[in-house]
């Protein structure tokens, strides 16, 4: 870090990833602990509470103190330190990376919440253990006996699996033996109990055992979320909930019609890419943190659809670098057998490809401490491909400039340019050249 970067940090102030301290003390180590358990960050030592660069008199002594105090963290955490010379004094920068382990300082684990360090309570501790993949929810034993399973759901599983993967049901096995073979039942003492995955797939109402294992759908009139149009809590087995959610998303994904220039053929398409929405929902229910008491939630707005699931990305996994590191490997495996998952670790890439092909929609990932949200946002109102836009598309076969279109339609150039820019944003046409040489052509996709 150089002096200019330091001034930039100070000017911005403390945040979820930046903390200022006058000297090395317990609060400094708490911040290092919190950063390692959240998204990483920097602790800058030698900055006063009123954001003045006071520096440290003896940086070597401060670093020795840091080394001694940080040894109290369990497990140990890797940090990088840098001493920056500022005029006649020094500033110490401690850089902390996000860790794949859960760290504590003097028997207390901390997370970063805004500009503060927050001790983790027992419920959050269990959630963090799920986040770090220390504890797998889906294989944890439940109190549900195999006698409580639904034979109808078991039969349907094998029927769907055979259609999707060509695997026949083992006819010679009893129901309890089938459950053991699938890995969803474990021996406890002298009996068999379902694990969490067995409950989610093979009982009529898993929510009576795991109340948060449901999907909540909400539709609002606008972004303020003040007026609720529709709300439903979806329950049932995991595949049943997914199918119900698919149906709701399908009903709220209108079809628009585009008229291709040069002929009378119209192209019908969904506003939001169907496969991308499907992948996002599957990712949410398969990879969510089931130790978290929150629901998987779907928010439907006039201009976007957002899907939120409890649980951040596992360490080392990002939307830019997706790898197969499932939080719930058994749930993931069963959904693959049922044909919901096509290829491990490829869901995010398929979402990205589908959105790029759709053009008129963009998607955004937002990651927080305990949940992740993916949003599909309409860049343009595709349903507004009205008669004027259709005429513009037809005229583009022989006229490629805004002035020519303006003359043909007897409308002002600014009005035509605005329409053209909307069509460019939607990916329906492309813009070539600049200034007076600007031309518009139909996209190859259309």
Protein backbone atom coordinates (compact mmCIF):
# COMPACT_ATOMS: atom_id res chain seq x y z
CA UNK A 1 0.00 0.00 0.00
CA UNK A 2 1.27 3.48 -0.78
CA UNK A 3 0.47 6.83 0.82
CA UNK A 4 -2.21 7.66 -1.75
CA UNK A 5 -4.05 4.38 -1.10
CA UNK A 6 -3.85 5.00 2.66
CA UNK A 7 -5.42 8.45 2.26
CA UNK A 8 -8.17 6.86 0.16
CA UNK A 9 -8.95 4.34 2.93
CA UNK A 10 -9.01 7.05 5.60
CA UNK A 11 -11.23 9.28 3.47
CA UNK A 12 -13.70 6.42 2.93
CA UNK A 13 -13.79 5.53 6.62
CA UNK A 14 -14.39 2.28 8.44
CA UNK A 15 -16.53 -0.33 6.73
CA UNK A 16 -17.32 -4.02 6.63
CA UNK A 17 -13.75 -4.66 5.47
CA UNK A 18 -11.74 -1.79 6.99
CA UNK A 19 -10.96 -1.01 10.65
CA UNK A 20 -8.75 1.77 12.12
CA UNK A 21 -6.90 1.45 15.44
CA UNK A 22 -4.53 3.78 17.27
CA UNK A 23 -2.48 0.83 18.58
CA UNK A 24 -2.44 -2.96 18.85
CA UNK A 25 -4.90 -4.07 21.55
CA UNK A 26 -7.64 -6.64 22.18
CA UNK A 27 -10.09 -4.77 19.93
CA UNK A 28 -7.61 -5.02 17.10
CA UNK A 29 -7.45 -8.83 17.46
CA UNK A 30 -11.25 -9.01 17.64
CA UNK A 31 -11.36 -7.24 14.25
CA UNK A 32 -8.85 -9.70 12.78
CA UNK A 33 -11.01 -12.55 14.08
CA UNK A 34 -14.18 -10.99 12.67
CA UNK A 35 -12.61 -10.34 9.25
CA UNK A 36 -11.35 -13.93 9.00
CA UNK A 37 -14.87 -15.24 9.76
CA UNK A 38 -16.60 -12.91 7.29
CA UNK A 39 -15.20 -11.46 4.05
CA UNK A 40 -11.63 -10.60 5.07
CA UNK A 41 -10.37 -7.04 5.47
CA UNK A 42 -7.65 -4.64 6.62
CA UNK A 43 -6.81 -3.35 10.08
CA UNK A 44 -4.83 -0.10 9.86
CA UNK A 45 -2.90 0.67 13.06
CA UNK A 46 -1.84 4.25 13.73
CA UNK A 47 -5.14 6.01 12.97
CA UNK A 48 -7.04 7.87 15.70
CA UNK A 49 -10.80 7.74 16.33
CA UNK A 50 -11.23 11.06 14.50
CA UNK A 51 -9.40 9.61 11.47
CA UNK A 52 -6.10 11.42 12.00
CA UNK A 53 -2.86 9.66 11.03
CA UNK A 54 -1.08 9.51 14.40
CA UNK A 55 1.20 6.60 13.54
CA UNK A 56 3.03 4.26 15.93
CA UNK A 57 6.31 5.13 17.66
CA UNK A 58 7.90 1.67 17.56
CA UNK A 59 6.44 -0.48 14.76
CA UNK A 60 8.67 -3.46 15.60
CA UNK A 61 7.37 -3.51 19.18
CA UNK A 62 3.77 -3.26 17.92
CA UNK A 63 4.34 -6.17 15.53
CA UNK A 64 5.76 -8.28 18.35
CA UNK A 65 2.71 -7.46 20.44
CA UNK A 66 0.47 -8.40 17.49
CA UNK A 67 2.26 -11.74 17.10
CA UNK A 68 1.85 -12.55 20.79
CA UNK A 69 -1.82 -11.59 20.96
CA UNK A 70 -2.86 -13.25 17.72
CA UNK A 71 -1.56 -16.57 19.06
CA UNK A 72 -4.65 -16.56 21.31
CA UNK A 73 -6.84 -17.09 18.24
CA UNK A 74 -8.05 -20.66 17.69
CA UNK A 75 -7.32 -21.94 15.14
CA UNK A 76 -4.42 -19.72 14.14
CA UNK A 77 -5.03 -17.28 11.32
CA UNK A 78 -2.69 -16.23 8.53
CA UNK A 79 -2.16 -12.48 8.16
CA UNK A 80 0.06 -10.19 6.11
CA UNK A 81 1.60 -7.11 7.69
CA UNK A 82 3.12 -4.04 6.10
CA UNK A 83 4.79 -1.00 7.67
CA UNK A 84 4.19 2.20 5.72
CA UNK A 85 6.40 5.24 6.34
CA UNK A 86 4.31 8.42 6.66
CA UNK A 87 6.39 11.55 7.19
CA UNK A 88 8.18 11.07 10.52
CA UNK A 89 6.03 8.18 11.78
CA UNK A 90 4.80 4.74 10.66
CA UNK A 91 1.49 3.05 10.02
CA UNK A 92 0.95 -0.72 10.21
CA UNK A 93 -1.44 -2.42 7.76
CA UNK A 94 -2.68 -5.87 8.76
CA UNK A 95 -4.36 -7.69 5.89
CA UNK A 96 -6.69 -10.58 6.74
CA UNK A 97 -8.12 -13.05 4.23
CA UNK A 98 -11.47 -14.74 4.53
CA UNK A 99 -10.87 -18.12 6.13
CA UNK A 100 -12.37 -21.52 5.44
CA UNK A 101 -12.30 -22.20 9.21
CA UNK A 102 -14.26 -20.64 12.05
CA UNK A 103 -11.91 -18.65 14.33
CA UNK A 104 -12.29 -17.48 17.93
CA UNK A 105 -10.36 -15.10 20.16
CA UNK A 106 -10.31 -15.97 23.85
CA UNK A 107 -13.13 -18.47 23.32
CA UNK A 108 -15.39 -15.98 21.50
CA UNK A 109 -16.00 -16.07 17.76
CA UNK A 110 -16.76 -12.78 16.00
CA UNK A 111 -18.23 -11.76 12.65
CA UNK A 112 -18.14 -8.38 10.96
CA UNK A 113 -21.50 -6.60 10.79
CA UNK A 114 -21.15 -3.22 9.11
CA UNK A 115 -18.46 -1.31 11.02
CA UNK A 116 -18.76 -3.42 14.17
CA UNK A 117 -17.49 -6.76 15.43
CA UNK A 118 -20.35 -8.95 16.62
CA UNK A 119 -19.94 -11.96 18.92
CA UNK A 120 -21.59 -15.05 17.47
CA UNK A 121 -24.45 -16.52 19.49
CA UNK A 122 -24.99 -20.32 19.68
CA UNK A 123 -27.52 -20.36 16.80
CA UNK A 124 -25.20 -18.32 14.59
CA UNK A 125 -22.32 -20.59 15.59
CA UNK A 126 -24.18 -23.57 14.19
CA UNK A 127 -24.97 -21.58 11.04
CA UNK A 128 -21.30 -20.65 10.66
CA UNK A 129 -20.33 -24.28 11.06
CA UNK A 130 -22.65 -25.04 8.15
CA UNK A 131 -21.14 -22.16 6.18
CA UNK A 132 -17.62 -23.50 6.63
CA UNK A 133 -18.80 -27.02 5.67
CA UNK A 134 -17.63 -28.30 9.07
CA UNK A 135 -21.04 -29.90 9.60
CA UNK A 136 -23.14 -31.40 6.81
CA UNK A 137 -26.85 -30.91 7.41
CA UNK A 138 -28.19 -33.44 4.93
CA UNK A 139 -26.43 -36.45 6.49
CA UNK A 140 -27.18 -35.50 10.09
CA UNK A 141 -29.55 -37.99 11.77
CA UNK A 142 -33.12 -36.99 12.54
CA UNK A 143 -35.63 -38.46 14.98
CA UNK A 144 -37.85 -39.68 12.17
CA UNK A 145 -38.19 -43.45 11.89
CA UNK A 146 -38.21 -45.19 8.52
CA UNK A 147 -41.77 -46.26 9.30
CA UNK A 148 -42.82 -42.62 8.81
CA UNK A 149 -41.72 -42.42 5.18
CA UNK A 150 -44.18 -42.10 2.32
CA UNK A 151 -44.16 -45.20 0.12
CA UNK A 152 -45.81 -43.11 -2.59
CA UNK A 153 -42.87 -40.66 -2.61
CA UNK A 154 -40.37 -43.53 -2.68
CA UNK A 155 -42.15 -45.13 -5.67
CA UNK A 156 -42.29 -41.76 -7.44
CA UNK A 157 -38.56 -41.24 -6.83
CA UNK A 158 -37.65 -44.48 -8.58
CA UNK A 159 -40.07 -43.79 -11.43
CA UNK A 160 -38.65 -40.29 -12.04
CA UNK A 161 -35.08 -41.54 -11.66
CA UNK A 162 -35.65 -44.24 -14.27
CA UNK A 163 -37.07 -41.68 -16.71
CA UNK A 164 -34.21 -39.23 -16.05
CA UNK A 165 -31.20 -41.57 -15.70
CA UNK A 166 -32.37 -44.97 -16.92
CA UNK A 167 -31.80 -46.58 -13.50
CA UNK A 168 -34.37 -49.16 -12.49
CA UNK A 169 -35.62 -49.64 -8.96
CA UNK A 170 -34.08 -52.55 -7.03
CA UNK A 171 -37.16 -54.77 -6.89
CA UNK A 172 -35.66 -57.32 -4.51
CA UNK A 173 -35.10 -54.83 -1.66
CA UNK A 174 -37.48 -53.88 1.12
CA UNK A 175 -38.29 -50.21 1.71
CA UNK A 176 -35.88 -49.90 4.63
CA UNK A 177 -33.13 -51.55 2.58
CA UNK A 178 -33.77 -49.16 -0.28
CA UNK A 179 -33.47 -46.18 2.04
CA UNK A 180 -30.17 -47.48 3.38
CA UNK A 181 -28.92 -48.02 -0.17
CA UNK A 182 -29.82 -44.44 -1.07
CA UNK A 183 -27.90 -43.19 1.95
CA UNK A 184 -30.91 -41.53 3.57
CA UNK A 185 -31.31 -43.89 6.53
CA UNK A 186 -28.86 -44.71 9.30
CA UNK A 187 -28.79 -47.39 11.97
CA UNK A 188 -29.24 -46.01 15.48
CA UNK A 189 -29.17 -48.54 18.29
CA UNK A 190 -31.50 -51.30 17.15
CA UNK A 191 -33.52 -49.28 14.65
CA UNK A 192 -33.31 -47.18 11.50
CA UNK A 193 -33.83 -43.43 11.39
CA UNK A 194 -33.87 -41.07 8.44
CA UNK A 195 -31.18 -38.45 8.07
CA UNK A 196 -32.15 -34.89 7.11
CA UNK A 197 -32.05 -35.63 3.37
CA UNK A 198 -34.35 -38.62 3.89
CA UNK A 199 -36.85 -36.39 5.68
CA UNK A 200 -36.75 -33.71 2.96
CA UNK A 201 -37.31 -36.18 0.11
CA UNK A 202 -39.42 -39.01 1.51
CA UNK A 203 -41.86 -37.64 4.11
CA UNK A 204 -45.15 -35.94 3.30
CA UNK A 205 -44.48 -32.77 5.28
CA UNK A 206 -40.77 -32.27 6.06
CA UNK A 207 -41.60 -28.82 7.48
CA UNK A 208 -43.14 -30.48 10.55
CA UNK A 209 -39.58 -31.58 11.38
CA UNK A 210 -37.55 -28.76 9.79
CA UNK A 211 -39.77 -25.68 9.85
CA UNK A 212 -37.40 -23.50 7.78
CA UNK A 213 -37.13 -26.02 4.93
CA UNK A 214 -39.68 -24.25 2.77
CA UNK A 215 -39.88 -21.69 -0.02
CA UNK A 216 -41.59 -18.33 0.52
CA UNK A 217 -42.85 -16.44 -2.53
CA UNK A 218 -43.75 -12.74 -2.35
CA UNK A 219 -44.88 -10.37 -5.09
CA UNK A 220 -44.79 -6.59 -4.67
CA UNK A 221 -46.13 -3.62 -6.62
CA UNK A 222 -42.77 -1.79 -6.54
CA UNK A 223 -39.30 -1.69 -4.99
CA UNK A 224 -40.52 -0.14 -1.74
CA UNK A 225 -42.06 -3.51 -0.80
CA UNK A 226 -44.84 -1.62 0.99
CA UNK A 227 -47.71 -3.17 -0.96
CA UNK A 228 -47.81 -6.97 -1.08
CA UNK A 229 -49.79 -8.43 -3.97
CA UNK A 230 -49.24 -12.10 -3.26
CA UNK A 231 -47.62 -14.29 -0.64
CA UNK A 232 -47.39 -18.05 -0.32
CA UNK A 233 -45.34 -20.44 1.80
CA UNK A 234 -44.60 -23.55 -0.25
CA UNK A 235 -44.32 -26.82 1.65
CA UNK A 236 -43.94 -30.50 0.85
CA UNK A 237 -41.03 -32.68 -0.17
CA UNK A 238 -38.08 -30.95 -1.80
CA UNK A 239 -39.04 -31.92 -5.40
CA UNK A 240 -42.68 -30.94 -4.76
CA UNK A 241 -41.68 -27.49 -3.49
CA UNK A 242 -39.39 -26.95 -6.47
CA UNK A 243 -42.14 -27.87 -8.93
CA UNK A 244 -44.61 -25.53 -7.20
CA UNK A 245 -42.06 -22.71 -7.33
CA UNK A 246 -41.38 -23.41 -11.02
CA UNK A 247 -45.10 -23.05 -11.76
CA UNK A 248 -45.32 -19.70 -9.93
CA UNK A 249 -42.22 -18.33 -11.67
CA UNK A 250 -43.58 -19.49 -15.03
CA UNK A 251 -46.84 -17.60 -14.44
CA UNK A 252 -44.86 -14.45 -13.60
CA UNK A 253 -42.59 -14.71 -16.63
CA UNK A 254 -44.64 -13.19 -19.46
CA UNK A 255 -44.19 -14.06 -23.10
CA UNK A 256 -43.46 -11.25 -25.53
CA UNK A 257 -43.66 -11.27 -29.30
CA UNK A 258 -41.15 -9.75 -31.72
CA UNK A 259 -41.77 -9.11 -35.40
CA UNK A 260 -38.72 -9.89 -37.50
CA UNK A 261 -38.03 -7.45 -40.35
CA UNK A 262 -38.43 -8.61 -43.91
CA UNK A 263 -41.13 -11.18 -43.22
CA UNK A 264 -44.29 -11.80 -41.26
CA UNK A 265 -42.80 -14.35 -38.88
CA UNK A 266 -42.96 -13.40 -35.23
CA UNK A 267 -40.62 -14.67 -32.52
CA UNK A 268 -42.13 -15.53 -29.15
CA UNK A 269 -39.86 -15.46 -26.11
CA UNK A 270 -40.02 -15.24 -22.32
CA UNK A 271 -38.98 -12.00 -20.65
CA UNK A 272 -36.68 -13.88 -18.25
CA UNK A 273 -34.55 -16.82 -19.46
CA UNK A 274 -36.39 -19.90 -18.24
CA UNK A 275 -33.36 -22.14 -17.78
CA UNK A 276 -31.47 -19.45 -15.87
CA UNK A 277 -34.38 -18.93 -13.45
CA UNK A 278 -34.60 -22.70 -13.04
CA UNK A 279 -30.89 -23.02 -12.24
CA UNK A 280 -31.03 -20.19 -9.73
CA UNK A 281 -33.92 -21.77 -7.87
CA UNK A 282 -32.25 -25.20 -7.84
CA UNK A 283 -29.00 -23.69 -6.57
CA UNK A 284 -30.93 -22.01 -3.78
CA UNK A 285 -32.69 -25.10 -2.46
CA UNK A 286 -29.78 -27.52 -3.00
CA UNK A 287 -26.94 -25.39 -1.63
CA UNK A 288 -28.70 -23.36 1.07
CA UNK A 289 -27.62 -23.53 4.70
CA UNK A 290 -30.40 -25.55 6.33
CA UNK A 291 -29.06 -24.79 9.81
CA UNK A 292 -30.16 -21.20 9.21
CA UNK A 293 -33.76 -20.61 10.44
CA UNK A 294 -34.56 -18.46 7.40
CA UNK A 295 -36.53 -19.57 4.34
CA UNK A 296 -35.51 -19.74 0.72
CA UNK A 297 -37.31 -16.67 -0.64
CA UNK A 298 -38.48 -15.55 -4.07
CA UNK A 299 -39.23 -11.84 -4.56
CA UNK A 300 -41.21 -10.83 -7.65
CA UNK A 301 -41.10 -7.15 -8.66
CA UNK A 302 -42.40 -5.43 -11.81
CA UNK A 303 -38.89 -5.24 -13.28
CA UNK A 304 -36.99 -8.10 -11.66
CA UNK A 305 -37.08 -11.48 -9.92
CA UNK A 306 -34.79 -12.10 -6.95
CA UNK A 307 -34.07 -15.45 -5.29
CA UNK A 308 -32.52 -15.37 -1.82
CA UNK A 309 -31.19 -18.36 0.05
CA UNK A 310 -29.66 -18.68 3.51
CA UNK A 311 -25.93 -19.30 3.18
CA UNK A 312 -22.98 -17.55 1.58
CA UNK A 313 -20.70 -19.17 -0.99
CA UNK A 314 -18.37 -21.80 0.51
CA UNK A 315 -14.77 -20.70 0.90
CA UNK A 316 -13.01 -20.59 -2.45
CA UNK A 317 -16.25 -20.50 -4.48
CA UNK A 318 -17.37 -17.32 -6.23
CA UNK A 319 -19.75 -16.57 -9.13
CA UNK A 320 -16.66 -15.84 -11.24
CA UNK A 321 -14.93 -19.10 -10.24
CA UNK A 322 -17.66 -21.69 -9.57
CA UNK A 323 -16.47 -25.12 -8.49
CA UNK A 324 -18.36 -28.16 -7.24
CA UNK A 325 -18.16 -27.79 -3.48
CA UNK A 326 -21.66 -28.66 -2.27
CA UNK A 327 -22.79 -27.72 1.19
CA UNK A 328 -25.31 -30.57 1.03
CA UNK A 329 -23.67 -33.33 -1.06
CA UNK A 330 -26.40 -35.91 -0.48
CA UNK A 331 -29.19 -33.51 -1.47
CA UNK A 332 -27.16 -32.54 -4.53
CA UNK A 333 -26.66 -36.20 -5.47
CA UNK A 334 -30.35 -37.09 -5.15
CA UNK A 335 -31.42 -34.07 -7.19
CA UNK A 336 -28.94 -35.17 -9.85
CA UNK A 337 -30.46 -38.66 -9.90
CA UNK A 338 -33.90 -37.10 -10.36
CA UNK A 339 -32.67 -35.13 -13.38
CA UNK A 340 -32.86 -31.66 -11.84
CA UNK A 341 -29.10 -31.21 -11.99
CA UNK A 342 -27.39 -31.83 -15.32
CA UNK A 343 -23.74 -31.36 -14.45
CA UNK A 344 -22.02 -30.68 -11.15
CA UNK A 345 -20.61 -27.21 -10.68
CA UNK A 346 -22.02 -25.83 -13.93
CA UNK A 347 -25.18 -24.07 -12.70
CA UNK A 348 -23.73 -20.55 -12.45
CA UNK A 349 -22.08 -20.86 -15.86
CA UNK A 350 -25.39 -21.95 -17.41
CA UNK A 351 -27.14 -18.99 -15.80
CA UNK A 352 -24.53 -16.63 -17.23
CA UNK A 353 -24.79 -18.15 -20.73
CA UNK A 354 -28.59 -18.01 -20.74
CA UNK A 355 -28.62 -14.37 -19.64
CA UNK A 356 -26.05 -13.42 -22.28
CA UNK A 357 -28.21 -15.05 -24.96
CA UNK A 358 -31.38 -13.36 -23.71
CA UNK A 359 -29.73 -9.90 -23.95
CA UNK A 360 -32.65 -7.95 -22.50
CA UNK A 361 -31.95 -9.19 -18.97
CA UNK A 362 -28.95 -8.95 -16.68
CA UNK A 363 -28.25 -10.86 -13.50
CA UNK A 364 -26.50 -9.86 -10.31
CA UNK A 365 -25.15 -11.79 -7.34
CA UNK A 366 -25.11 -10.19 -3.88
CA UNK A 367 -23.39 -12.05 -1.06
CA UNK A 368 -23.87 -11.21 2.60
CA UNK A 369 -22.72 -12.85 5.83
CA UNK A 370 -25.56 -15.35 6.10
CA UNK A 371 -27.35 -15.27 2.76
CA UNK A 372 -26.89 -14.96 -0.98
CA UNK A 373 -29.23 -13.29 -3.47
CA UNK A 374 -29.38 -13.54 -7.24
CA UNK A 375 -31.49 -11.06 -9.20
CA UNK A 376 -32.67 -11.11 -12.80
CA UNK A 377 -33.25 -7.52 -13.91
CA UNK A 378 -34.99 -6.35 -17.06
CA UNK A 379 -32.88 -3.72 -18.80
CA UNK A 380 -35.83 -2.71 -20.97
CA UNK A 381 -39.54 -3.32 -20.96
CA UNK A 382 -39.70 -6.00 -23.63
CA UNK A 383 -43.46 -6.01 -23.49
CA UNK A 384 -43.26 -2.49 -24.94
CA UNK A 385 -42.34 -3.78 -28.41
CA UNK A 386 -45.31 -1.84 -29.69
CA UNK A 387 -46.39 -1.09 -33.22
CA UNK A 388 -43.88 1.76 -33.59
CA UNK A 389 -40.96 -0.45 -32.61
CA UNK A 390 -42.20 -3.12 -34.99
CA UNK A 391 -42.25 -0.60 -37.81
CA UNK A 392 -38.69 0.43 -36.92
CA UNK A 393 -37.58 -3.21 -37.07
CA UNK A 394 -39.22 -3.64 -40.47
CA UNK A 395 -37.64 -0.45 -41.84
CA UNK A 396 -34.17 -1.47 -40.68
CA UNK A 397 -34.00 -3.85 -43.63
CA UNK A 398 -33.54 -0.90 -46.00
CA UNK A 399 -32.87 2.09 -43.73
CA UNK A 400 -30.08 1.98 -41.14
CA UNK A 401 -29.75 5.59 -39.98
CA UNK A 402 -31.89 7.44 -37.47
CA UNK A 403 -32.41 10.31 -39.93
CA UNK A 404 -33.77 7.91 -42.55
CA UNK A 405 -36.09 6.27 -40.04
CA UNK A 406 -37.22 9.70 -38.81
CA UNK A 407 -38.11 10.75 -42.35
CA UNK A 408 -39.94 7.51 -43.14
CA UNK A 409 -41.97 7.59 -39.94
CA UNK A 410 -42.42 11.38 -39.90
CA UNK A 411 -41.15 11.62 -36.33
CA UNK A 412 -38.37 13.62 -34.66
CA UNK A 413 -34.85 12.21 -34.63
CA UNK A 414 -34.57 12.33 -30.77
CA UNK A 415 -37.73 10.23 -30.48
CA UNK A 416 -36.40 7.68 -32.95
CA UNK A 417 -32.96 7.59 -31.29
CA UNK A 418 -34.54 6.88 -27.90
CA UNK A 419 -36.46 3.96 -29.38
CA UNK A 420 -33.33 2.68 -31.09
CA UNK A 421 -31.32 2.86 -27.87
CA UNK A 422 -33.99 0.82 -26.06
CA UNK A 423 -33.81 -1.84 -28.77
CA UNK A 424 -30.01 -1.85 -28.55
CA UNK A 425 -30.20 -2.32 -24.76
CA UNK A 426 -32.54 -5.25 -25.28
CA UNK A 427 -30.06 -6.84 -27.68
CA UNK A 428 -32.60 -6.81 -30.50
CA UNK A 429 -30.52 -4.51 -32.72
CA UNK A 430 -26.87 -3.45 -32.73
CA UNK A 431 -25.31 -0.02 -33.10
CA UNK A 432 -22.41 0.43 -35.52
CA UNK A 433 -20.21 3.50 -35.97
CA UNK A 434 -20.26 6.93 -34.33
CA UNK A 435 -21.68 10.39 -34.97
CA UNK A 436 -23.10 10.95 -38.44
CA UNK A 437 -21.91 7.49 -39.51
CA UNK A 438 -23.97 5.69 -36.85
CA UNK A 439 -26.06 2.87 -38.27
CA UNK A 440 -28.42 0.34 -36.68
CA UNK A 441 -28.82 -3.28 -37.74
CA UNK A 442 -30.78 -6.25 -36.58
CA UNK A 443 -28.89 -8.48 -34.16
CA UNK A 444 -27.89 -11.88 -35.58
CA UNK A 445 -29.84 -13.52 -32.77
CA UNK A 446 -33.06 -12.09 -34.16
